[in-house]
Amino acid sequence: MATAMSEELEVLKIVAERLRGAGIAYMLTGSVAMNHYAVLREPGASPERIPQAIFLRFYGRDFDEATRDRIAVSLARPVRSNRGPV
């Protein structure tokens, strides 16, 4: 079963291919861009590890090693949600 984000990324890939094919320059911004590029730049990364990889890449140097490790472990845990299906 595809998730909403994976469906969005599939549409994004189609649009990007068509823009490239037409010779139109484009740029991704915002959270979709962050998700898209984080996935592409972490070959083999599982979806569960992406929040941890993003944190370490962009904020890892802002913390001492012990704090960074605690945050990274916390981000690797599954997220619980009270929200039902969308």
N, C-alpha and C. Protein backbone atom coordinates (compact mmCIF):
# COMPACT_ATOMS: atom_id res chain seq x y z
N MET A 1 0.84 -1.18 0.00
CA MET A 1 0.00 0.00 0.00
C MET A 1 0.89 1.25 0.00
N ALA A 2 0.67 2.14 -0.91
CA ALA A 2 1.46 3.36 -1.02
C ALA A 2 0.98 4.40 -0.02
N THR A 3 1.93 5.14 0.53
CA THR A 3 1.57 6.21 1.45
C THR A 3 1.33 7.48 0.66
N ALA A 4 0.72 8.47 1.32
CA ALA A 4 0.45 9.74 0.65
C ALA A 4 1.75 10.39 0.19
N MET A 5 2.81 10.32 1.02
CA MET A 5 4.08 10.94 0.64
C MET A 5 4.70 10.22 -0.56
N SER A 6 4.64 8.89 -0.59
CA SER A 6 5.22 8.19 -1.72
C SER A 6 4.45 8.50 -3.01
N GLU A 7 3.13 8.68 -2.90
CA GLU A 7 2.34 9.07 -4.06
C GLU A 7 2.73 10.47 -4.52
N GLU A 8 2.95 11.38 -3.56
CA GLU A 8 3.38 12.73 -3.90
C GLU A 8 4.73 12.70 -4.60
N LEU A 9 5.63 11.87 -4.13
CA LEU A 9 6.96 11.79 -4.75
C LEU A 9 6.88 11.21 -6.15
N GLU A 10 5.98 10.25 -6.37
CA GLU A 10 5.81 9.70 -7.72
C GLU A 10 5.31 10.78 -8.68
N VAL A 11 4.33 11.58 -8.23
CA VAL A 11 3.83 12.68 -9.06
C VAL A 11 4.95 13.68 -9.31
N LEU A 12 5.72 13.98 -8.28
CA LEU A 12 6.83 14.91 -8.41
C LEU A 12 7.84 14.42 -9.45
N LYS A 13 8.13 13.13 -9.44
CA LYS A 13 9.06 12.57 -10.43
C LYS A 13 8.53 12.74 -11.85
N ILE A 14 7.24 12.49 -12.03
CA ILE A 14 6.63 12.64 -13.36
C ILE A 14 6.72 14.09 -13.83
N VAL A 15 6.37 15.02 -12.94
CA VAL A 15 6.40 16.44 -13.29
C VAL A 15 7.84 16.86 -13.61
N ALA A 16 8.78 16.42 -12.79
CA ALA A 16 10.19 16.79 -13.02
C ALA A 16 10.68 16.26 -14.36
N GLU A 17 10.31 15.02 -14.70
CA GLU A 17 10.72 14.46 -15.99
C GLU A 17 10.14 15.26 -17.15
N ARG A 18 8.89 15.66 -17.02
CA ARG A 18 8.26 16.44 -18.10
C ARG A 18 8.89 17.83 -18.22
N LEU A 19 9.20 18.45 -17.09
CA LEU A 19 9.85 19.76 -17.14
C LEU A 19 11.23 19.64 -17.77
N ARG A 20 12.00 18.64 -17.36
CA ARG A 20 13.33 18.42 -17.96
C ARG A 20 13.20 18.16 -19.45
N GLY A 21 12.22 17.33 -19.82
CA GLY A 21 12.01 17.02 -21.23
C GLY A 21 11.68 18.24 -22.07
N ALA A 22 10.99 19.21 -21.44
CA ALA A 22 10.62 20.43 -22.15
C ALA A 22 11.72 21.50 -22.05
N GLY A 23 12.80 21.19 -21.35
CA GLY A 23 13.89 22.14 -21.20
C GLY A 23 13.57 23.28 -20.24
N ILE A 24 12.66 23.05 -19.32
CA ILE A 24 12.26 24.08 -18.36
C ILE A 24 13.00 23.85 -17.04
N ALA A 25 13.71 24.87 -16.59
CA ALA A 25 14.42 24.79 -15.32
C ALA A 25 13.40 24.86 -14.18
N TYR A 26 13.68 24.13 -13.10
CA TYR A 26 12.77 24.13 -11.96
C TYR A 26 13.58 23.97 -10.68
N MET A 27 12.93 24.25 -9.55
CA MET A 27 13.58 24.11 -8.25
C MET A 27 12.53 23.66 -7.25
N LEU A 28 12.90 22.72 -6.39
CA LEU A 28 12.01 22.28 -5.32
C LEU A 28 12.33 23.09 -4.07
N THR A 29 11.29 23.42 -3.31
CA THR A 29 11.50 24.15 -2.06
C THR A 29 10.61 23.55 -0.98
N GLY A 30 10.91 23.90 0.25
CA GLY A 30 10.06 23.51 1.37
C GLY A 30 10.23 22.06 1.79
N SER A 31 9.24 21.57 2.52
CA SER A 31 9.32 20.24 3.10
C SER A 31 9.34 19.13 2.06
N VAL A 32 8.65 19.31 0.94
CA VAL A 32 8.67 18.29 -0.11
C VAL A 32 10.09 18.17 -0.65
N ALA A 33 10.75 19.29 -0.85
CA ALA A 33 12.13 19.26 -1.35
C ALA A 33 13.04 18.57 -0.34
N MET A 34 12.86 18.89 0.91
CA MET A 34 13.70 18.29 1.95
C MET A 34 13.51 16.77 1.97
N ASN A 35 12.27 16.32 1.91
CA ASN A 35 12.01 14.88 1.89
C ASN A 35 12.57 14.25 0.63
N HIS A 36 12.37 14.89 -0.50
CA HIS A 36 12.83 14.34 -1.78
C HIS A 36 14.34 14.20 -1.80
N TYR A 37 15.05 15.26 -1.45
CA TYR A 37 16.49 15.23 -1.53
C TYR A 37 17.10 14.38 -0.42
N ALA A 38 16.49 14.33 0.73
CA ALA A 38 17.01 13.48 1.81
C ALA A 38 16.96 12.02 1.39
N VAL A 39 15.89 11.61 0.75
CA VAL A 39 15.77 10.23 0.30
C VAL A 39 16.79 9.95 -0.78
N LEU A 40 16.92 10.83 -1.74
CA LEU A 40 17.83 10.59 -2.86
C LEU A 40 19.29 10.60 -2.43
N ARG A 41 19.63 11.35 -1.43
CA ARG A 41 21.03 11.47 -1.02
C ARG A 41 21.43 10.46 0.05
N GLU A 42 20.51 9.64 0.46
CA GLU A 42 20.80 8.57 1.42
C GLU A 42 20.49 7.24 0.76
N PRO A 43 21.30 6.82 -0.20
CA PRO A 43 21.00 5.56 -0.90
C PRO A 43 20.87 4.41 0.09
N GLY A 44 19.81 3.64 -0.07
CA GLY A 44 19.60 2.49 0.78
C GLY A 44 19.00 2.81 2.14
N ALA A 45 18.76 4.09 2.42
CA ALA A 45 18.18 4.45 3.72
C ALA A 45 16.73 4.02 3.77
N SER A 46 16.35 3.43 4.88
CA SER A 46 14.95 3.03 5.04
C SER A 46 14.16 4.27 5.45
N PRO A 47 12.87 4.30 5.16
CA PRO A 47 12.05 5.46 5.55
C PRO A 47 12.11 5.75 7.05
N GLU A 48 12.29 4.71 7.85
CA GLU A 48 12.37 4.91 9.30
C GLU A 48 13.63 5.66 9.71
N ARG A 49 14.70 5.58 8.90
CA ARG A 49 15.97 6.22 9.25
C ARG A 49 16.10 7.64 8.71
N ILE A 50 15.20 8.04 7.85
CA ILE A 50 15.34 9.36 7.23
C ILE A 50 15.30 10.51 8.23
N PRO A 51 14.37 10.54 9.22
CA PRO A 51 14.42 11.65 10.19
C PRO A 51 15.76 11.74 10.91
N GLN A 52 16.33 10.59 11.25
CA GLN A 52 17.62 10.56 11.92
C GLN A 52 18.72 11.09 10.99
N ALA A 53 18.70 10.67 9.74
CA ALA A 53 19.71 11.12 8.78
C ALA A 53 19.62 12.63 8.55
N ILE A 54 18.40 13.16 8.46
CA ILE A 54 18.22 14.60 8.26
C ILE A 54 18.76 15.36 9.47
N PHE A 55 18.41 14.89 10.68
CA PHE A 55 18.91 15.55 11.88
C PHE A 55 20.43 15.57 11.90
N LEU A 56 21.04 14.41 11.68
CA LEU A 56 22.50 14.33 11.75
C LEU A 56 23.17 15.19 10.70
N ARG A 57 22.60 15.23 9.49
CA ARG A 57 23.21 16.02 8.43
C ARG A 57 23.14 17.53 8.72
N PHE A 58 21.97 18.00 9.16
CA PHE A 58 21.79 19.44 9.28
C PHE A 58 22.05 20.00 10.68
N TYR A 59 21.89 19.17 11.72
CA TYR A 59 21.99 19.69 13.08
C TYR A 59 23.00 18.94 13.94
N GLY A 60 23.57 17.88 13.45
CA GLY A 60 24.46 17.05 14.25
C GLY A 60 25.63 17.79 14.86
N ARG A 61 26.18 18.74 14.17
CA ARG A 61 27.35 19.49 14.68
C ARG A 61 26.98 20.49 15.76
N ASP A 62 25.68 20.75 15.94
CA ASP A 62 25.25 21.72 16.94
C ASP A 62 25.19 21.14 18.35
N PHE A 63 25.43 19.85 18.51
CA PHE A 63 25.30 19.19 19.80
C PHE A 63 26.56 18.41 20.13
N ASP A 64 26.81 18.25 21.45
CA ASP A 64 27.92 17.40 21.85
C ASP A 64 27.56 15.95 21.53
N GLU A 65 28.54 15.08 21.55
CA GLU A 65 28.34 13.70 21.08
C GLU A 65 27.26 12.96 21.87
N ALA A 66 27.25 13.10 23.19
CA ALA A 66 26.26 12.38 24.01
C ALA A 66 24.84 12.85 23.69
N THR A 67 24.65 14.16 23.57
CA THR A 67 23.32 14.71 23.25
C THR A 67 22.90 14.30 21.84
N ARG A 68 23.82 14.41 20.91
CA ARG A 68 23.54 14.02 19.52
C ARG A 68 23.11 12.56 19.44
N ASP A 69 23.80 11.68 20.18
CA ASP A 69 23.46 10.26 20.17
C ASP A 69 22.08 10.01 20.76
N ARG A 70 21.73 10.71 21.86
CA ARG A 70 20.40 10.54 22.46
C ARG A 70 19.31 10.99 21.50
N ILE A 71 19.52 12.12 20.83
CA ILE A 71 18.52 12.62 19.88
C ILE A 71 18.38 11.65 18.70
N ALA A 72 19.50 11.17 18.19
CA ALA A 72 19.47 10.25 17.06
C ALA A 72 18.74 8.96 17.42
N VAL A 73 18.97 8.43 18.62
CA VAL A 73 18.27 7.22 19.06
C VAL A 73 16.77 7.50 19.17
N SER A 74 16.42 8.66 19.71
CA SER A 74 15.01 9.02 19.84
C SER A 74 14.33 9.12 18.47
N LEU A 75 15.02 9.68 17.50
CA LEU A 75 14.45 9.82 16.16
C LEU A 75 14.32 8.49 15.44
N ALA A 76 15.07 7.50 15.85
CA ALA A 76 15.01 6.19 15.21
C ALA A 76 13.82 5.36 15.70
N ARG A 77 13.21 5.79 16.82
CA ARG A 77 12.05 5.05 17.35
C ARG A 77 10.82 5.31 16.50
N PRO A 78 9.93 4.32 16.41
CA PRO A 78 8.68 4.52 15.67
C PRO A 78 7.85 5.63 16.31
N VAL A 79 7.19 6.40 15.48
CA VAL A 79 6.34 7.49 15.94
C VAL A 79 4.95 6.94 16.19
N ARG A 80 4.40 7.27 17.34
CA ARG A 80 3.02 6.88 17.64
C ARG A 80 2.11 8.05 17.34
N SER A 81 0.98 7.74 16.80
CA SER A 81 0.04 8.80 16.43
C SER A 81 -1.35 8.41 16.88
N ASN A 82 -2.11 9.40 17.34
CA ASN A 82 -3.50 9.17 17.71
C ASN A 82 -4.43 9.40 16.54
N ARG A 83 -3.87 9.85 15.43
CA ARG A 83 -4.69 10.12 14.25
C ARG A 83 -5.08 8.83 13.56
N GLY A 84 -6.30 8.80 13.08
CA GLY A 84 -6.77 7.65 12.33
C GLY A 84 -6.34 7.77 10.88
N PRO A 85 -6.84 6.88 10.06
CA PRO A 85 -6.49 6.94 8.63
C PRO A 85 -6.93 8.26 8.01
N VAL A 86 -6.13 8.71 7.07
CA VAL A 86 -6.42 9.97 6.39
C VAL A 86 -7.38 9.70 5.26
